[in-house]
Amino acid sequence: MKGKAKRDTPFARHLHEALEYLLREQPVTAEQWGQLTHVFFYEEDRLYAYLQDLYDYFYGDRKEPPVAPDPEAPPPEKYWT
């Protein structure tokens, strides 16, 4: 995906703009993100840290892609309290 993200295509430009917008505005909650993408983060700080890592992988100097949360992992204990 990194190669596609760096091409000079409409998709690549939209992806870059979308990630910048998400990181700048932080417009969605972790719950909303999960409902939209089916990738569940239980805290906004973890969601936006992941998106920052993804941005750094695509456009910065991060060498390895970030790892999304395990969909089979149970929610953290504090999520239930």
N, C-alpha and C. Protein backbone atom coordinates (compact mmCIF):
# COMPACT_ATOMS: atom_id res chain seq x y z
N MET A 1 0.82 -1.20 0.00
CA MET A 1 0.00 0.00 0.00
C MET A 1 0.86 1.26 0.00
N LYS A 2 2.06 1.19 0.58
CA LYS A 2 2.92 2.37 0.65
C LYS A 2 3.23 2.90 -0.74
N GLY A 3 3.49 2.00 -1.67
CA GLY A 3 3.77 2.44 -3.04
C GLY A 3 2.60 3.19 -3.65
N LYS A 4 1.40 2.71 -3.44
CA LYS A 4 0.21 3.38 -3.97
C LYS A 4 -0.01 4.73 -3.30
N ALA A 5 0.35 4.83 -2.02
CA ALA A 5 0.14 6.07 -1.27
C ALA A 5 1.05 7.19 -1.74
N LYS A 6 2.16 6.84 -2.36
CA LYS A 6 3.14 7.85 -2.75
C LYS A 6 3.10 8.18 -4.24
N ARG A 7 2.23 7.55 -4.99
CA ARG A 7 2.12 7.83 -6.42
C ARG A 7 1.46 9.18 -6.66
N ASP A 8 1.56 9.65 -7.87
CA ASP A 8 0.89 10.88 -8.26
C ASP A 8 -0.44 10.51 -8.92
N THR A 9 -1.38 10.10 -8.08
CA THR A 9 -2.71 9.72 -8.55
C THR A 9 -3.76 10.40 -7.69
N PRO A 10 -4.99 10.49 -8.18
CA PRO A 10 -6.04 11.05 -7.33
C PRO A 10 -6.21 10.28 -6.02
N PHE A 11 -6.13 8.95 -6.08
CA PHE A 11 -6.25 8.15 -4.85
C PHE A 11 -5.18 8.54 -3.83
N ALA A 12 -3.94 8.65 -4.29
CA ALA A 12 -2.83 8.99 -3.39
C ALA A 12 -3.02 10.38 -2.80
N ARG A 13 -3.43 11.32 -3.62
CA ARG A 13 -3.65 12.69 -3.12
C ARG A 13 -4.77 12.72 -2.09
N HIS A 14 -5.85 12.00 -2.36
CA HIS A 14 -6.98 11.96 -1.41
C HIS A 14 -6.58 11.29 -0.11
N LEU A 15 -5.83 10.22 -0.20
CA LEU A 15 -5.37 9.53 1.00
C LEU A 15 -4.50 10.46 1.85
N HIS A 16 -3.57 11.14 1.23
CA HIS A 16 -2.69 12.06 1.94
C HIS A 16 -3.50 13.17 2.61
N GLU A 17 -4.40 13.76 1.87
CA GLU A 17 -5.25 14.82 2.42
C GLU A 17 -6.14 14.30 3.55
N ALA A 18 -6.69 13.11 3.38
CA ALA A 18 -7.56 12.55 4.41
C ALA A 18 -6.80 12.28 5.71
N LEU A 19 -5.62 11.70 5.60
CA LEU A 19 -4.82 11.46 6.81
C LEU A 19 -4.43 12.77 7.49
N GLU A 20 -4.04 13.75 6.70
CA GLU A 20 -3.71 15.05 7.30
C GLU A 20 -4.92 15.65 8.01
N TYR A 21 -6.08 15.57 7.38
CA TYR A 21 -7.31 16.09 8.00
C TYR A 21 -7.63 15.35 9.30
N LEU A 22 -7.58 14.03 9.25
CA LEU A 22 -7.89 13.24 10.45
C LEU A 22 -6.95 13.59 11.60
N LEU A 23 -5.68 13.73 11.30
CA LEU A 23 -4.71 14.04 12.35
C LEU A 23 -4.86 15.47 12.87
N ARG A 24 -5.18 16.38 11.99
CA ARG A 24 -5.30 17.79 12.39
C ARG A 24 -6.60 18.03 13.17
N GLU A 25 -7.72 17.53 12.67
CA GLU A 25 -9.03 17.84 13.24
C GLU A 25 -9.52 16.81 14.27
N GLN A 26 -9.04 15.59 14.16
CA GLN A 26 -9.50 14.48 15.01
C GLN A 26 -11.03 14.47 15.12
N PRO A 27 -11.69 14.33 13.97
CA PRO A 27 -13.14 14.52 13.93
C PRO A 27 -13.98 13.33 14.38
N VAL A 28 -13.40 12.16 14.54
CA VAL A 28 -14.20 11.00 14.92
C VAL A 28 -13.72 10.42 16.25
N THR A 29 -14.65 9.82 16.94
CA THR A 29 -14.31 9.11 18.16
C THR A 29 -13.84 7.71 17.80
N ALA A 30 -13.24 7.05 18.74
CA ALA A 30 -12.82 5.66 18.52
C ALA A 30 -14.04 4.79 18.21
N GLU A 31 -15.14 5.05 18.87
CA GLU A 31 -16.35 4.27 18.62
C GLU A 31 -16.86 4.49 17.19
N GLN A 32 -16.89 5.73 16.76
CA GLN A 32 -17.33 6.02 15.39
C GLN A 32 -16.40 5.36 14.37
N TRP A 33 -15.10 5.41 14.64
CA TRP A 33 -14.13 4.79 13.74
C TRP A 33 -14.42 3.29 13.61
N GLY A 34 -14.67 2.65 14.72
CA GLY A 34 -14.98 1.22 14.70
C GLY A 34 -16.24 0.92 13.90
N GLN A 35 -17.25 1.75 14.07
CA GLN A 35 -18.49 1.54 13.33
C GLN A 35 -18.28 1.72 11.82
N LEU A 36 -17.43 2.66 11.46
CA LEU A 36 -17.18 2.93 10.03
C LEU A 36 -16.26 1.91 9.38
N THR A 37 -15.23 1.48 10.12
CA THR A 37 -14.18 0.68 9.50
C THR A 37 -14.12 -0.77 9.98
N HIS A 38 -14.80 -1.05 11.08
CA HIS A 38 -14.74 -2.37 11.73
C HIS A 38 -13.35 -2.68 12.26
N VAL A 39 -12.56 -1.64 12.48
CA VAL A 39 -11.27 -1.73 13.17
C VAL A 39 -11.46 -0.97 14.46
N PHE A 40 -11.44 -1.68 15.58
CA PHE A 40 -11.83 -1.08 16.85
C PHE A 40 -10.65 -0.68 17.71
N PHE A 41 -10.63 0.59 18.03
CA PHE A 41 -9.74 1.17 19.02
C PHE A 41 -10.66 1.56 20.17
N TYR A 42 -10.22 1.39 21.37
CA TYR A 42 -11.10 1.69 22.50
C TYR A 42 -10.78 3.03 23.14
N GLU A 43 -9.79 3.71 22.61
CA GLU A 43 -9.42 5.04 23.11
C GLU A 43 -8.99 5.89 21.93
N GLU A 44 -9.40 7.16 21.95
CA GLU A 44 -9.05 8.06 20.86
C GLU A 44 -7.54 8.24 20.74
N ASP A 45 -6.83 8.30 21.87
CA ASP A 45 -5.39 8.51 21.77
C ASP A 45 -4.71 7.37 21.03
N ARG A 46 -5.20 6.15 21.20
CA ARG A 46 -4.62 5.02 20.46
C ARG A 46 -4.98 5.07 18.98
N LEU A 47 -6.20 5.47 18.68
CA LEU A 47 -6.61 5.61 17.29
C LEU A 47 -5.72 6.63 16.57
N TYR A 48 -5.58 7.80 17.16
CA TYR A 48 -4.82 8.85 16.49
C TYR A 48 -3.32 8.58 16.51
N ALA A 49 -2.84 7.85 17.49
CA ALA A 49 -1.43 7.43 17.48
C ALA A 49 -1.20 6.45 16.32
N TYR A 50 -2.14 5.54 16.12
CA TYR A 50 -2.05 4.61 14.99
C TYR A 50 -2.06 5.37 13.66
N LEU A 51 -2.98 6.33 13.52
CA LEU A 51 -3.06 7.09 12.28
C LEU A 51 -1.79 7.91 12.06
N GLN A 52 -1.20 8.44 13.13
CA GLN A 52 0.06 9.16 13.00
C GLN A 52 1.17 8.21 12.54
N ASP A 53 1.19 7.02 13.12
CA ASP A 53 2.18 6.02 12.71
C ASP A 53 1.99 5.64 11.24
N LEU A 54 0.75 5.52 10.82
CA LEU A 54 0.46 5.20 9.42
C LEU A 54 0.93 6.32 8.51
N TYR A 55 0.66 7.54 8.91
CA TYR A 55 1.12 8.70 8.13
C TYR A 55 2.64 8.71 8.04
N ASP A 56 3.29 8.47 9.16
CA ASP A 56 4.76 8.46 9.18
C ASP A 56 5.32 7.32 8.33
N TYR A 57 4.62 6.22 8.26
CA TYR A 57 5.05 5.11 7.41
C TYR A 57 4.91 5.49 5.92
N PHE A 58 3.78 6.06 5.56
CA PHE A 58 3.56 6.42 4.16
C PHE A 58 4.43 7.60 3.72
N TYR A 59 4.54 8.62 4.57
CA TYR A 59 5.13 9.88 4.11
C TYR A 59 6.35 10.32 4.92
N GLY A 60 6.69 9.61 5.95
CA GLY A 60 7.81 10.01 6.79
C GLY A 60 8.92 8.97 6.76
N ASP A 61 9.57 8.81 7.90
CA ASP A 61 10.72 7.91 7.96
C ASP A 61 10.47 6.63 8.73
N ARG A 62 9.21 6.32 9.01
CA ARG A 62 8.90 5.06 9.69
C ARG A 62 9.16 3.90 8.73
N LYS A 63 9.89 2.91 9.18
CA LYS A 63 10.31 1.80 8.31
C LYS A 63 9.25 0.70 8.19
N GLU A 64 8.54 0.43 9.27
CA GLU A 64 7.56 -0.66 9.28
C GLU A 64 6.14 -0.10 9.43
N PRO A 65 5.16 -0.74 8.80
CA PRO A 65 3.79 -0.27 8.97
C PRO A 65 3.31 -0.54 10.40
N PRO A 66 2.42 0.30 10.90
CA PRO A 66 1.87 0.05 12.23
C PRO A 66 0.96 -1.16 12.19
N VAL A 67 0.78 -1.76 13.33
CA VAL A 67 -0.08 -2.93 13.45
C VAL A 67 -1.43 -2.50 14.01
N ALA A 68 -2.47 -2.80 13.27
CA ALA A 68 -3.83 -2.48 13.73
C ALA A 68 -4.20 -3.39 14.89
N PRO A 69 -5.16 -2.97 15.68
CA PRO A 69 -5.59 -3.82 16.80
C PRO A 69 -6.08 -5.18 16.33
N ASP A 70 -5.85 -6.17 17.15
CA ASP A 70 -6.32 -7.53 16.87
C ASP A 70 -7.84 -7.55 17.02
N PRO A 71 -8.57 -7.88 15.97
CA PRO A 71 -10.04 -7.87 16.07
C PRO A 71 -10.57 -8.94 17.02
N GLU A 72 -9.76 -9.93 17.35
CA GLU A 72 -10.19 -10.99 18.26
C GLU A 72 -9.87 -10.67 19.72
N ALA A 73 -9.08 -9.64 19.95
CA ALA A 73 -8.70 -9.31 21.33
C ALA A 73 -9.89 -8.71 22.07
N PRO A 74 -10.06 -9.08 23.32
CA PRO A 74 -11.15 -8.48 24.09
C PRO A 74 -10.85 -7.02 24.41
N PRO A 75 -11.87 -6.24 24.65
CA PRO A 75 -11.65 -4.84 25.02
C PRO A 75 -10.88 -4.75 26.34
N PRO A 76 -10.17 -3.65 26.55
CA PRO A 76 -9.48 -3.49 27.82
C PRO A 76 -10.46 -3.48 28.99
N GLU A 77 -9.99 -3.88 30.15
CA GLU A 77 -10.86 -4.00 31.32
C GLU A 77 -11.56 -2.68 31.64
N LYS A 78 -10.85 -1.56 31.53
CA LYS A 78 -11.48 -0.29 31.88
C LYS A 78 -12.61 0.10 30.92
N TYR A 79 -12.67 -0.53 29.76
CA TYR A 79 -13.75 -0.27 28.81
C TYR A 79 -15.10 -0.69 29.40
N TRP A 80 -15.09 -1.70 30.25
CA TRP A 80 -16.32 -2.23 30.81
C TRP A 80 -16.75 -1.54 32.09
N THR A 81 -15.90 -0.70 32.65
CA THR A 81 -16.26 -0.06 33.92
C THR A 81 -16.81 1.33 33.72
